[in-house]
ModelCIF file with pLDDT and N, C-alpha, C, O atoms, coordinates in Angstrom:
data_MODEL
#
_entry.id   MODEL 
#
_entity.id                         1 
_entity.type                       polymer 
_entity.pdbx_number_of_molecules   1 
#
_entity_poly.entity_id                      1 
_entity_poly.type                           'polypeptide(L)' 
_entity_poly.nstd_linkage                   no 
_entity_poly.nstd_monomer                   no 
_entity_poly.pdbx_seq_one_letter_code       WRTQAVKWTDRNLGIVLASGAGALGVRLGMPLAGASGEIDDRAELGLG 
_entity_poly.pdbx_seq_one_letter_code_can   WRTQAVKWTDRNLGIVLASGAGALGVRLGMPLAGASGEIDDRAELGLG 
_entity_poly.pdbx_strand_id                 A 
#
loop_
_entity_poly_seq.entity_id 
_entity_poly_seq.num 
_entity_poly_seq.mon_id 
_entity_poly_seq.hetero 
1 1  TRP n 
1 2  ARG n 
1 3  THR n 
1 4  GLN n 
1 5  ALA n 
1 6  VAL n 
1 7  LYS n 
1 8  TRP n 
1 9  THR n 
1 10 ASP n 
1 11 ARG n 
1 12 ASN n 
1 13 LEU n 
1 14 GLY n 
1 15 ILE n 
1 16 VAL n 
1 17 LEU n 
1 18 ALA n 
1 19 SER n 
1 20 GLY n 
1 21 ALA n 
1 22 GLY n 
1 23 ALA n 
1 24 LEU n 
1 25 GLY n 
1 26 VAL n 
1 27 ARG n 
1 28 LEU n 
1 29 GLY n 
1 30 MET n 
1 31 PRO n 
1 32 LEU n 
1 33 ALA n 
1 34 GLY n 
1 35 ALA n 
1 36 SER n 
1 37 GLY n 
1 38 GLU n 
1 39 ILE n 
1 40 ASP n 
1 41 ASP n 
1 42 ARG n 
1 43 ALA n 
1 44 GLU n 
1 45 LEU n 
1 46 GLY n 
1 47 LEU n 
1 48 GLY n 
#
_struct_asym.id          A 
_struct_asym.entity_id   1 
#
loop_
_ma_qa_metric.id 
_ma_qa_metric.mode 
_ma_qa_metric.name 
_ma_qa_metric.software_group_id 
_ma_qa_metric.type 
1 global pLDDT . pLDDT 
2 local  pLDDT . pLDDT 
#
_ma_qa_metric_global.metric_id      1 
_ma_qa_metric_global.metric_value   88.79 
_ma_qa_metric_global.model_id       1 
_ma_qa_metric_global.ordinal_id     1 
#
loop_
_ma_qa_metric_local.label_asym_id 
_ma_qa_metric_local.label_comp_id 
_ma_qa_metric_local.label_seq_id 
_ma_qa_metric_local.metric_id 
_ma_qa_metric_local.metric_value 
_ma_qa_metric_local.model_id 
_ma_qa_metric_local.ordinal_id 
A TRP 1  2 96.00 1 1  
A ARG 2  2 96.00 1 2  
A THR 3  2 95.00 1 3  
A GLN 4  2 96.00 1 4  
A ALA 5  2 95.00 1 5  
A VAL 6  2 94.00 1 6  
A LYS 7  2 93.00 1 7  
A TRP 8  2 94.00 1 8  
A THR 9  2 90.00 1 9  
A ASP 10 2 90.00 1 10 
A ARG 11 2 89.00 1 11 
A ASN 12 2 92.00 1 12 
A LEU 13 2 94.00 1 13 
A GLY 14 2 95.00 1 14 
A ILE 15 2 97.00 1 15 
A VAL 16 2 97.00 1 16 
A LEU 17 2 97.00 1 17 
A ALA 18 2 97.00 1 18 
A SER 19 2 97.00 1 19 
A GLY 20 2 97.00 1 20 
A ALA 21 2 97.00 1 21 
A GLY 22 2 97.00 1 22 
A ALA 23 2 97.00 1 23 
A LEU 24 2 96.00 1 24 
A GLY 25 2 96.00 1 25 
A VAL 26 2 96.00 1 26 
A ARG 27 2 95.00 1 27 
A LEU 28 2 95.00 1 28 
A GLY 29 2 92.00 1 29 
A MET 30 2 89.00 1 30 
A PRO 31 2 86.00 1 31 
A LEU 32 2 84.00 1 32 
A ALA 33 2 72.00 1 33 
A GLY 34 2 61.00 1 34 
A ALA 35 2 57.00 1 35 
A SER 36 2 57.00 1 36 
A GLY 37 2 58.00 1 37 
A GLU 38 2 66.00 1 38 
A ILE 39 2 72.00 1 39 
A ASP 40 2 77.00 1 40 
A ASP 41 2 82.00 1 41 
A ARG 42 2 90.00 1 42 
A ALA 43 2 93.00 1 43 
A GLU 44 2 94.00 1 44 
A LEU 45 2 95.00 1 45 
A GLY 46 2 94.00 1 46 
A LEU 47 2 93.00 1 47 
A GLY 48 2 90.00 1 48 
#
loop_
_atom_site.group_PDB 
_atom_site.id 
_atom_site.type_symbol 
_atom_site.label_atom_id 
_atom_site.label_alt_id 
_atom_site.label_comp_id 
_atom_site.label_asym_id 
_atom_site.label_entity_id 
_atom_site.label_seq_id 
_atom_site.pdbx_PDB_ins_code 
_atom_site.Cartn_x 
_atom_site.Cartn_y 
_atom_site.Cartn_z 
_atom_site.occupancy 
_atom_site.B_iso_or_equiv 
_atom_site.pdbx_formal_charge 
_atom_site.auth_seq_id 
_atom_site.auth_comp_id 
_atom_site.auth_asym_id 
_atom_site.auth_atom_id 
_atom_site.pdbx_PDB_model_num 
ATOM 1   N N  . TRP A 1 1  ? -87.339 47.670 -25.902 1.00 96.00 ? 1  TRP A N  1 
ATOM 2   C CA . TRP A 1 1  ? -88.077 48.902 -25.601 1.00 96.00 ? 1  TRP A CA 1 
ATOM 3   C C  . TRP A 1 1  ? -89.549 48.741 -25.982 1.00 96.00 ? 1  TRP A C  1 
ATOM 4   O O  . TRP A 1 1  ? -90.438 49.084 -25.203 1.00 96.00 ? 1  TRP A O  1 
ATOM 5   N N  . ARG A 1 2  ? -89.795 48.229 -27.163 1.00 96.00 ? 2  ARG A N  1 
ATOM 6   C CA . ARG A 1 2  ? -91.163 48.133 -27.680 1.00 96.00 ? 2  ARG A CA 1 
ATOM 7   C C  . ARG A 1 2  ? -91.962 47.033 -27.005 1.00 96.00 ? 2  ARG A C  1 
ATOM 8   O O  . ARG A 1 2  ? -93.173 47.178 -26.839 1.00 96.00 ? 2  ARG A O  1 
ATOM 9   N N  . THR A 1 3  ? -91.323 45.938 -26.610 1.00 95.00 ? 3  THR A N  1 
ATOM 10  C CA . THR A 1 3  ? -92.071 44.772 -26.134 1.00 95.00 ? 3  THR A CA 1 
ATOM 11  C C  . THR A 1 3  ? -92.029 44.570 -24.621 1.00 95.00 ? 3  THR A C  1 
ATOM 12  O O  . THR A 1 3  ? -92.912 43.918 -24.063 1.00 95.00 ? 3  THR A O  1 
ATOM 13  N N  . GLN A 1 4  ? -91.020 45.116 -23.952 1.00 96.00 ? 4  GLN A N  1 
ATOM 14  C CA . GLN A 1 4  ? -90.844 44.795 -22.529 1.00 96.00 ? 4  GLN A CA 1 
ATOM 15  C C  . GLN A 1 4  ? -91.102 45.966 -21.588 1.00 96.00 ? 4  GLN A C  1 
ATOM 16  O O  . GLN A 1 4  ? -91.478 45.755 -20.435 1.00 96.00 ? 4  GLN A O  1 
ATOM 17  N N  . ALA A 1 5  ? -90.907 47.196 -22.060 1.00 95.00 ? 5  ALA A N  1 
ATOM 18  C CA . ALA A 1 5  ? -91.013 48.354 -21.165 1.00 95.00 ? 5  ALA A CA 1 
ATOM 19  C C  . ALA A 1 5  ? -92.384 48.443 -20.500 1.00 95.00 ? 5  ALA A C  1 
ATOM 20  O O  . ALA A 1 5  ? -92.483 48.809 -19.329 1.00 95.00 ? 5  ALA A O  1 
ATOM 21  N N  . VAL A 1 6  ? -93.434 48.113 -21.236 1.00 94.00 ? 6  VAL A N  1 
ATOM 22  C CA . VAL A 1 6  ? -94.797 48.237 -20.695 1.00 94.00 ? 6  VAL A CA 1 
ATOM 23  C C  . VAL A 1 6  ? -95.063 47.245 -19.568 1.00 94.00 ? 6  VAL A C  1 
ATOM 24  O O  . VAL A 1 6  ? -96.017 47.414 -18.810 1.00 94.00 ? 6  VAL A O  1 
ATOM 25  N N  . LYS A 1 7  ? -94.227 46.206 -19.450 1.00 93.00 ? 7  LYS A N  1 
ATOM 26  C CA . LYS A 1 7  ? -94.424 45.203 -18.415 1.00 93.00 ? 7  LYS A CA 1 
ATOM 27  C C  . LYS A 1 7  ? -93.780 45.596 -17.095 1.00 93.00 ? 7  LYS A C  1 
ATOM 28  O O  . LYS A 1 7  ? -94.058 44.988 -16.061 1.00 93.00 ? 7  LYS A O  1 
ATOM 29  N N  . TRP A 1 8  ? -92.917 46.613 -17.124 1.00 94.00 ? 8  TRP A N  1 
ATOM 30  C CA . TRP A 1 8  ? -92.243 47.060 -15.906 1.00 94.00 ? 8  TRP A CA 1 
ATOM 31  C C  . TRP A 1 8  ? -93.218 47.845 -15.034 1.00 94.00 ? 8  TRP A C  1 
ATOM 32  O O  . TRP A 1 8  ? -94.113 48.513 -15.552 1.00 94.00 ? 8  TRP A O  1 
ATOM 33  N N  . THR A 1 9  ? -93.051 47.771 -13.719 1.00 90.00 ? 9  THR A N  1 
ATOM 34  C CA . THR A 1 9  ? -93.965 48.446 -12.788 1.00 90.00 ? 9  THR A CA 1 
ATOM 35  C C  . THR A 1 9  ? -94.059 49.935 -13.085 1.00 90.00 ? 9  THR A C  1 
ATOM 36  O O  . THR A 1 9  ? -95.153 50.487 -13.192 1.00 90.00 ? 9  THR A O  1 
ATOM 37  N N  . ASP A 1 10 ? -92.910 50.578 -13.215 1.00 90.00 ? 10 ASP A N  1 
ATOM 38  C CA . ASP A 1 10 ? -92.848 51.975 -13.629 1.00 90.00 ? 10 ASP A CA 1 
ATOM 39  C C  . ASP A 1 10 ? -92.590 51.975 -15.134 1.00 90.00 ? 10 ASP A C  1 
ATOM 40  O O  . ASP A 1 10 ? -91.450 51.827 -15.575 1.00 90.00 ? 10 ASP A O  1 
ATOM 41  N N  . ARG A 1 11 ? -93.651 52.141 -15.915 1.00 89.00 ? 11 ARG A N  1 
ATOM 42  C CA . ARG A 1 11 ? -93.518 52.001 -17.360 1.00 89.00 ? 11 ARG A CA 1 
ATOM 43  C C  . ARG A 1 11 ? -92.570 53.028 -17.964 1.00 89.00 ? 11 ARG A C  1 
ATOM 44  O O  . ARG A 1 11 ? -91.883 52.747 -18.946 1.00 89.00 ? 11 ARG A O  1 
ATOM 45  N N  . ASN A 1 12 ? -92.534 54.215 -17.375 1.00 92.00 ? 12 ASN A N  1 
ATOM 46  C CA . ASN A 1 12 ? -91.624 55.227 -17.901 1.00 92.00 ? 12 ASN A CA 1 
ATOM 47  C C  . ASN A 1 12 ? -90.174 54.810 -17.705 1.00 92.00 ? 12 ASN A C  1 
ATOM 48  O O  . ASN A 1 12 ? -89.388 54.830 -18.651 1.00 92.00 ? 12 ASN A O  1 
ATOM 49  N N  . LEU A 1 13 ? -89.822 54.435 -16.494 1.00 94.00 ? 13 LEU A N  1 
ATOM 50  C CA . LEU A 1 13 ? -88.463 53.979 -16.232 1.00 94.00 ? 13 LEU A CA 1 
ATOM 51  C C  . LEU A 1 13 ? -88.169 52.695 -16.995 1.00 94.00 ? 13 LEU A C  1 
ATOM 52  O O  . LEU A 1 13 ? -87.023 52.439 -17.363 1.00 94.00 ? 13 LEU A O  1 
ATOM 53  N N  . GLY A 1 14 ? -89.194 51.890 -17.235 1.00 95.00 ? 14 GLY A N  1 
ATOM 54  C CA . GLY A 1 14 ? -89.015 50.665 -18.001 1.00 95.00 ? 14 GLY A CA 1 
ATOM 55  C C  . GLY A 1 14 ? -88.483 50.911 -19.398 1.00 95.00 ? 14 GLY A C  1 
ATOM 56  O O  . GLY A 1 14 ? -87.797 50.056 -19.958 1.00 95.00 ? 14 GLY A O  1 
ATOM 57  N N  . ILE A 1 15 ? -88.791 52.078 -19.975 1.00 97.00 ? 15 ILE A N  1 
ATOM 58  C CA . ILE A 1 15 ? -88.279 52.427 -21.302 1.00 97.00 ? 15 ILE A CA 1 
ATOM 59  C C  . ILE A 1 15 ? -86.757 52.482 -21.285 1.00 97.00 ? 15 ILE A C  1 
ATOM 60  O O  . ILE A 1 15 ? -86.102 51.931 -22.170 1.00 97.00 ? 15 ILE A O  1 
ATOM 61  N N  . VAL A 1 16 ? -86.192 53.149 -20.274 1.00 97.00 ? 16 VAL A N  1 
ATOM 62  C CA . VAL A 1 16 ? -84.743 53.279 -20.148 1.00 97.00 ? 16 VAL A CA 1 
ATOM 63  C C  . VAL A 1 16 ? -84.107 51.931 -19.835 1.00 97.00 ? 16 VAL A C  1 
ATOM 64  O O  . VAL A 1 16 ? -83.107 51.563 -20.452 1.00 97.00 ? 16 VAL A O  1 
ATOM 65  N N  . LEU A 1 17 ? -84.670 51.194 -18.889 1.00 97.00 ? 17 LEU A N  1 
ATOM 66  C CA . LEU A 1 17 ? -84.085 49.924 -18.481 1.00 97.00 ? 17 LEU A CA 1 
ATOM 67  C C  . LEU A 1 17 ? -84.154 48.884 -19.589 1.00 97.00 ? 17 LEU A C  1 
ATOM 68  O O  . LEU A 1 17 ? -83.193 48.149 -19.812 1.00 97.00 ? 17 LEU A O  1 
ATOM 69  N N  . ALA A 1 18 ? -85.282 48.818 -20.283 1.00 97.00 ? 18 ALA A N  1 
ATOM 70  C CA . ALA A 1 18 ? -85.420 47.839 -21.361 1.00 97.00 ? 18 ALA A CA 1 
ATOM 71  C C  . ALA A 1 18 ? -84.464 48.140 -22.507 1.00 97.00 ? 18 ALA A C  1 
ATOM 72  O O  . ALA A 1 18 ? -83.821 47.235 -23.039 1.00 97.00 ? 18 ALA A O  1 
ATOM 73  N N  . SER A 1 19 ? -84.373 49.407 -22.884 1.00 97.00 ? 19 SER A N  1 
ATOM 74  C CA . SER A 1 19 ? -83.459 49.785 -23.951 1.00 97.00 ? 19 SER A CA 1 
ATOM 75  C C  . SER A 1 19 ? -82.012 49.529 -23.544 1.00 97.00 ? 19 SER A C  1 
ATOM 76  O O  . SER A 1 19 ? -81.228 49.001 -24.332 1.00 97.00 ? 19 SER A O  1 
ATOM 77  N N  . GLY A 1 20 ? -81.657 49.905 -22.310 1.00 97.00 ? 20 GLY A N  1 
ATOM 78  C CA . GLY A 1 20 ? -80.289 49.681 -21.838 1.00 97.00 ? 20 GLY A CA 1 
ATOM 79  C C  . GLY A 1 20 ? -79.944 48.210 -21.774 1.00 97.00 ? 20 GLY A C  1 
ATOM 80  O O  . GLY A 1 20 ? -78.839 47.819 -22.151 1.00 97.00 ? 20 GLY A O  1 
ATOM 81  N N  . ALA A 1 21 ? -80.871 47.383 -21.303 1.00 97.00 ? 21 ALA A N  1 
ATOM 82  C CA . ALA A 1 21 ? -80.623 45.944 -21.231 1.00 97.00 ? 21 ALA A CA 1 
ATOM 83  C C  . ALA A 1 21 ? -80.451 45.347 -22.628 1.00 97.00 ? 21 ALA A C  1 
ATOM 84  O O  . ALA A 1 21 ? -79.555 44.535 -22.857 1.00 97.00 ? 21 ALA A O  1 
ATOM 85  N N  . GLY A 1 22 ? -81.316 45.757 -23.560 1.00 97.00 ? 22 GLY A N  1 
ATOM 86  C CA . GLY A 1 22 ? -81.192 45.261 -24.922 1.00 97.00 ? 22 GLY A CA 1 
ATOM 87  C C  . GLY A 1 22 ? -79.902 45.715 -25.576 1.00 97.00 ? 22 GLY A C  1 
ATOM 88  O O  . GLY A 1 22 ? -79.268 44.946 -26.299 1.00 97.00 ? 22 GLY A O  1 
ATOM 89  N N  . ALA A 1 23 ? -79.504 46.961 -25.331 1.00 97.00 ? 23 ALA A N  1 
ATOM 90  C CA . ALA A 1 23 ? -78.262 47.491 -25.897 1.00 97.00 ? 23 ALA A CA 1 
ATOM 91  C C  . ALA A 1 23 ? -77.045 46.748 -25.366 1.00 97.00 ? 23 ALA A C  1 
ATOM 92  O O  . ALA A 1 23 ? -76.060 46.577 -26.085 1.00 97.00 ? 23 ALA A O  1 
ATOM 93  N N  . LEU A 1 24 ? -77.106 46.302 -24.106 1.00 96.00 ? 24 LEU A N  1 
ATOM 94  C CA . LEU A 1 24 ? -75.986 45.591 -23.489 1.00 96.00 ? 24 LEU A CA 1 
ATOM 95  C C  . LEU A 1 24 ? -75.978 44.103 -23.813 1.00 96.00 ? 24 LEU A C  1 
ATOM 96  O O  . LEU A 1 24 ? -74.932 43.456 -23.751 1.00 96.00 ? 24 LEU A O  1 
ATOM 97  N N  . GLY A 1 25 ? -77.146 43.558 -24.159 1.00 96.00 ? 25 GLY A N  1 
ATOM 98  C CA . GLY A 1 25 ? -77.242 42.120 -24.351 1.00 96.00 ? 25 GLY A CA 1 
ATOM 99  C C  . GLY A 1 25 ? -77.231 41.366 -23.033 1.00 96.00 ? 25 GLY A C  1 
ATOM 100 O O  . GLY A 1 25 ? -76.641 40.291 -22.926 1.00 96.00 ? 25 GLY A O  1 
ATOM 101 N N  . VAL A 1 26 ? -77.896 41.943 -22.016 1.00 96.00 ? 26 VAL A N  1 
ATOM 102 C CA . VAL A 1 26 ? -77.941 41.341 -20.692 1.00 96.00 ? 26 VAL A CA 1 
ATOM 103 C C  . VAL A 1 26 ? -79.391 41.242 -20.234 1.00 96.00 ? 26 VAL A C  1 
ATOM 104 O O  . VAL A 1 26 ? -80.248 42.016 -20.661 1.00 96.00 ? 26 VAL A O  1 
ATOM 105 N N  . ARG A 1 27 ? -79.646 40.283 -19.365 1.00 95.00 ? 27 ARG A N  1 
ATOM 106 C CA . ARG A 1 27 ? -81.003 40.109 -18.824 1.00 95.00 ? 27 ARG A CA 1 
ATOM 107 C C  . ARG A 1 27 ? -81.094 40.800 -17.472 1.00 95.00 ? 27 ARG A C  1 
ATOM 108 O O  . ARG A 1 27 ? -80.340 40.493 -16.549 1.00 95.00 ? 27 ARG A O  1 
ATOM 109 N N  . LEU A 1 28 ? -82.023 41.731 -17.373 1.00 95.00 ? 28 LEU A N  1 
ATOM 110 C CA . LEU A 1 28 ? -82.286 42.438 -16.135 1.00 95.00 ? 28 LEU A CA 1 
ATOM 111 C C  . LEU A 1 28 ? -83.692 42.111 -15.664 1.00 95.00 ? 28 LEU A C  1 
ATOM 112 O O  . LEU A 1 28 ? -84.379 41.279 -16.256 1.00 95.00 ? 28 LEU A O  1 
ATOM 113 N N  . GLY A 1 29 ? -84.120 42.783 -14.577 1.00 92.00 ? 29 GLY A N  1 
ATOM 114 C CA . GLY A 1 29 ? -85.452 42.497 -14.048 1.00 92.00 ? 29 GLY A CA 1 
ATOM 115 C C  . GLY A 1 29 ? -85.476 41.106 -13.447 1.00 92.00 ? 29 GLY A C  1 
ATOM 116 O O  . GLY A 1 29 ? -84.540 40.703 -12.758 1.00 92.00 ? 29 GLY A O  1 
ATOM 117 N N  . MET A 1 30 ? -86.552 40.372 -13.709 1.00 89.00 ? 30 MET A N  1 
ATOM 118 C CA . MET A 1 30 ? -86.775 38.991 -13.248 1.00 89.00 ? 30 MET A CA 1 
ATOM 119 C C  . MET A 1 30 ? -87.086 38.941 -11.756 1.00 89.00 ? 30 MET A C  1 
ATOM 120 O O  . MET A 1 30 ? -86.654 39.819 -11.009 1.00 89.00 ? 30 MET A O  1 
ATOM 121 N N  . PRO A 1 31 ? -87.824 37.933 -11.313 1.00 86.00 ? 31 PRO A N  1 
ATOM 122 C CA . PRO A 1 31 ? -88.242 37.839 -9.902  1.00 86.00 ? 31 PRO A CA 1 
ATOM 123 C C  . PRO A 1 31 ? -87.059 37.769 -8.946  1.00 86.00 ? 31 PRO A C  1 
ATOM 124 O O  . PRO A 1 31 ? -86.007 37.214 -9.262  1.00 86.00 ? 31 PRO A O  1 
ATOM 125 N N  . LEU A 1 32 ? -87.265 38.352 -7.765  1.00 84.00 ? 32 LEU A N  1 
ATOM 126 C CA . LEU A 1 32 ? -86.270 38.311 -6.694  1.00 84.00 ? 32 LEU A CA 1 
ATOM 127 C C  . LEU A 1 32 ? -86.957 37.916 -5.396  1.00 84.00 ? 32 LEU A C  1 
ATOM 128 O O  . LEU A 1 32 ? -88.117 38.257 -5.165  1.00 84.00 ? 32 LEU A O  1 
ATOM 129 N N  . ALA A 1 33 ? -86.224 37.190 -4.548  1.00 72.00 ? 33 ALA A N  1 
ATOM 130 C CA . ALA A 1 33 ? -86.744 36.842 -3.231  1.00 72.00 ? 33 ALA A CA 1 
ATOM 131 C C  . ALA A 1 33 ? -86.496 38.004 -2.285  1.00 72.00 ? 33 ALA A C  1 
ATOM 132 O O  . ALA A 1 33 ? -85.366 38.480 -2.168  1.00 72.00 ? 33 ALA A O  1 
ATOM 133 N N  . GLY A 1 34 ? -87.556 38.472 -1.601  1.00 61.00 ? 34 GLY A N  1 
ATOM 134 C CA . GLY A 1 34 ? -87.418 39.574 -0.666  1.00 61.00 ? 34 GLY A CA 1 
ATOM 135 C C  . GLY A 1 34 ? -86.756 39.151 0.627   1.00 61.00 ? 34 GLY A C  1 
ATOM 136 O O  . GLY A 1 34 ? -86.503 37.967 0.846   1.00 61.00 ? 34 GLY A O  1 
ATOM 137 N N  . ALA A 1 35 ? -86.472 40.133 1.496   1.00 57.00 ? 35 ALA A N  1 
ATOM 138 C CA . ALA A 1 35 ? -85.780 39.865 2.754   1.00 57.00 ? 35 ALA A CA 1 
ATOM 139 C C  . ALA A 1 35 ? -86.585 38.931 3.658   1.00 57.00 ? 35 ALA A C  1 
ATOM 140 O O  . ALA A 1 35 ? -86.005 38.152 4.413   1.00 57.00 ? 35 ALA A O  1 
ATOM 141 N N  . SER A 1 36 ? -87.920 39.003 3.586   1.00 57.00 ? 36 SER A N  1 
ATOM 142 C CA . SER A 1 36 ? -88.765 38.158 4.431   1.00 57.00 ? 36 SER A CA 1 
ATOM 143 C C  . SER A 1 36 ? -89.219 36.887 3.729   1.00 57.00 ? 36 SER A C  1 
ATOM 144 O O  . SER A 1 36 ? -90.063 36.151 4.240   1.00 57.00 ? 36 SER A O  1 
ATOM 145 N N  . GLY A 1 37 ? -88.644 36.631 2.538   1.00 58.00 ? 37 GLY A N  1 
ATOM 146 C CA . GLY A 1 37 ? -88.953 35.400 1.825   1.00 58.00 ? 37 GLY A CA 1 
ATOM 147 C C  . GLY A 1 37 ? -89.984 35.530 0.732   1.00 58.00 ? 37 GLY A C  1 
ATOM 148 O O  . GLY A 1 37 ? -90.137 34.611 -0.072  1.00 58.00 ? 37 GLY A O  1 
ATOM 149 N N  . GLU A 1 38 ? -90.709 36.659 0.670   1.00 66.00 ? 38 GLU A N  1 
ATOM 150 C CA . GLU A 1 38 ? -91.705 36.828 -0.381  1.00 66.00 ? 38 GLU A CA 1 
ATOM 151 C C  . GLU A 1 38 ? -91.007 37.091 -1.714  1.00 66.00 ? 38 GLU A C  1 
ATOM 152 O O  . GLU A 1 38 ? -89.872 37.567 -1.743  1.00 66.00 ? 38 GLU A O  1 
ATOM 153 N N  . ILE A 1 39 ? -91.683 36.781 -2.806  1.00 72.00 ? 39 ILE A N  1 
ATOM 154 C CA . ILE A 1 39 ? -91.111 36.922 -4.141  1.00 72.00 ? 39 ILE A CA 1 
ATOM 155 C C  . ILE A 1 39 ? -91.564 38.239 -4.754  1.00 72.00 ? 39 ILE A C  1 
ATOM 156 O O  . ILE A 1 39 ? -92.760 38.519 -4.842  1.00 72.00 ? 39 ILE A O  1 
ATOM 157 N N  . ASP A 1 40 ? -90.588 39.047 -5.178  1.00 77.00 ? 40 ASP A N  1 
ATOM 158 C CA . ASP A 1 40 ? -90.865 40.279 -5.909  1.00 77.00 ? 40 ASP A CA 1 
ATOM 159 C C  . ASP A 1 40 ? -90.959 39.900 -7.386  1.00 77.00 ? 40 ASP A C  1 
ATOM 160 O O  . ASP A 1 40 ? -89.944 39.694 -8.052  1.00 77.00 ? 40 ASP A O  1 
ATOM 161 N N  . ASP A 1 41 ? -92.177 39.812 -7.882  1.00 82.00 ? 41 ASP A N  1 
ATOM 162 C CA . ASP A 1 41 ? -92.424 39.294 -9.242  1.00 82.00 ? 41 ASP A CA 1 
ATOM 163 C C  . ASP A 1 41 ? -92.176 40.392 -10.274 1.00 82.00 ? 41 ASP A C  1 
ATOM 164 O O  . ASP A 1 41 ? -93.113 41.047 -10.731 1.00 82.00 ? 41 ASP A O  1 
ATOM 165 N N  . ARG A 1 42 ? -90.926 40.586 -10.634 1.00 90.00 ? 42 ARG A N  1 
ATOM 166 C CA . ARG A 1 42 ? -90.540 41.635 -11.571 1.00 90.00 ? 42 ARG A CA 1 
ATOM 167 C C  . ARG A 1 42 ? -90.490 41.075 -12.988 1.00 90.00 ? 42 ARG A C  1 
ATOM 168 O O  . ARG A 1 42 ? -90.128 39.916 -13.194 1.00 90.00 ? 42 ARG A O  1 
ATOM 169 N N  . ALA A 1 43 ? -90.848 41.889 -13.944 1.00 93.00 ? 43 ALA A N  1 
ATOM 170 C CA . ALA A 1 43 ? -90.811 41.477 -15.343 1.00 93.00 ? 43 ALA A CA 1 
ATOM 171 C C  . ALA A 1 43 ? -89.366 41.318 -15.806 1.00 93.00 ? 43 ALA A C  1 
ATOM 172 O O  . ALA A 1 43 ? -88.452 41.916 -15.239 1.00 93.00 ? 43 ALA A O  1 
ATOM 173 N N  . GLU A 1 44 ? -89.172 40.511 -16.836 1.00 94.00 ? 44 GLU A N  1 
ATOM 174 C CA . GLU A 1 44 ? -87.835 40.334 -17.414 1.00 94.00 ? 44 GLU A CA 1 
ATOM 175 C C  . GLU A 1 44 ? -87.576 41.404 -18.463 1.00 94.00 ? 44 GLU A C  1 
ATOM 176 O O  . GLU A 1 44 ? -88.433 41.698 -19.297 1.00 94.00 ? 44 GLU A O  1 
ATOM 177 N N  . LEU A 1 45 ? -86.386 41.980 -18.408 1.00 95.00 ? 45 LEU A N  1 
ATOM 178 C CA . LEU A 1 45 ? -85.979 42.994 -19.368 1.00 95.00 ? 45 LEU A CA 1 
ATOM 179 C C  . LEU A 1 45 ? -84.693 42.543 -20.056 1.00 95.00 ? 45 LEU A C  1 
ATOM 180 O O  . LEU A 1 45 ? -83.831 41.927 -19.429 1.00 95.00 ? 45 LEU A O  1 
ATOM 181 N N  . GLY A 1 46 ? -84.570 42.848 -21.335 1.00 94.00 ? 46 GLY A N  1 
ATOM 182 C CA . GLY A 1 46 ? -83.340 42.550 -22.044 1.00 94.00 ? 46 GLY A CA 1 
ATOM 183 C C  . GLY A 1 46 ? -83.303 41.159 -22.636 1.00 94.00 ? 46 GLY A C  1 
ATOM 184 O O  . GLY A 1 46 ? -84.235 40.369 -22.481 1.00 94.00 ? 46 GLY A O  1 
ATOM 185 N N  . LEU A 1 47 ? -82.208 40.876 -23.315 1.00 93.00 ? 47 LEU A N  1 
ATOM 186 C CA . LEU A 1 47 ? -81.973 39.592 -23.958 1.00 93.00 ? 47 LEU A CA 1 
ATOM 187 C C  . LEU A 1 47 ? -80.525 39.192 -23.724 1.00 93.00 ? 47 LEU A C  1 
ATOM 188 O O  . LEU A 1 47 ? -79.665 40.049 -23.524 1.00 93.00 ? 47 LEU A O  1 
ATOM 189 N N  . GLY A 1 48 ? -80.256 37.902 -23.749 1.00 90.00 ? 48 GLY A N  1 
ATOM 190 C CA . GLY A 1 48 ? -78.867 37.473 -23.695 1.00 90.00 ? 48 GLY A CA 1 
ATOM 191 C C  . GLY A 1 48 ? -78.488 36.812 -22.390 1.00 90.00 ? 48 GLY A C  1 
ATOM 192 O O  . GLY A 1 48 ? -77.339 36.403 -22.216 1.00 90.00 ? 48 GLY A O  1 
#
C-alpha cells in the first residue's frame, strides 16, 4: 500500500489493489501485451 499504490495509473484504486495483492501474497499488475501487440506498461503490485 505504502510503496506501490502511487505507481498505479489510478492512484486511488491502486490503494485497494496494492493492499489486496499484499494481503494475498500474489503479484498483480505488471505489463501486458495489448490486442494489437502494443505493451500496456502497468506497474507491479503485490509480493509473492
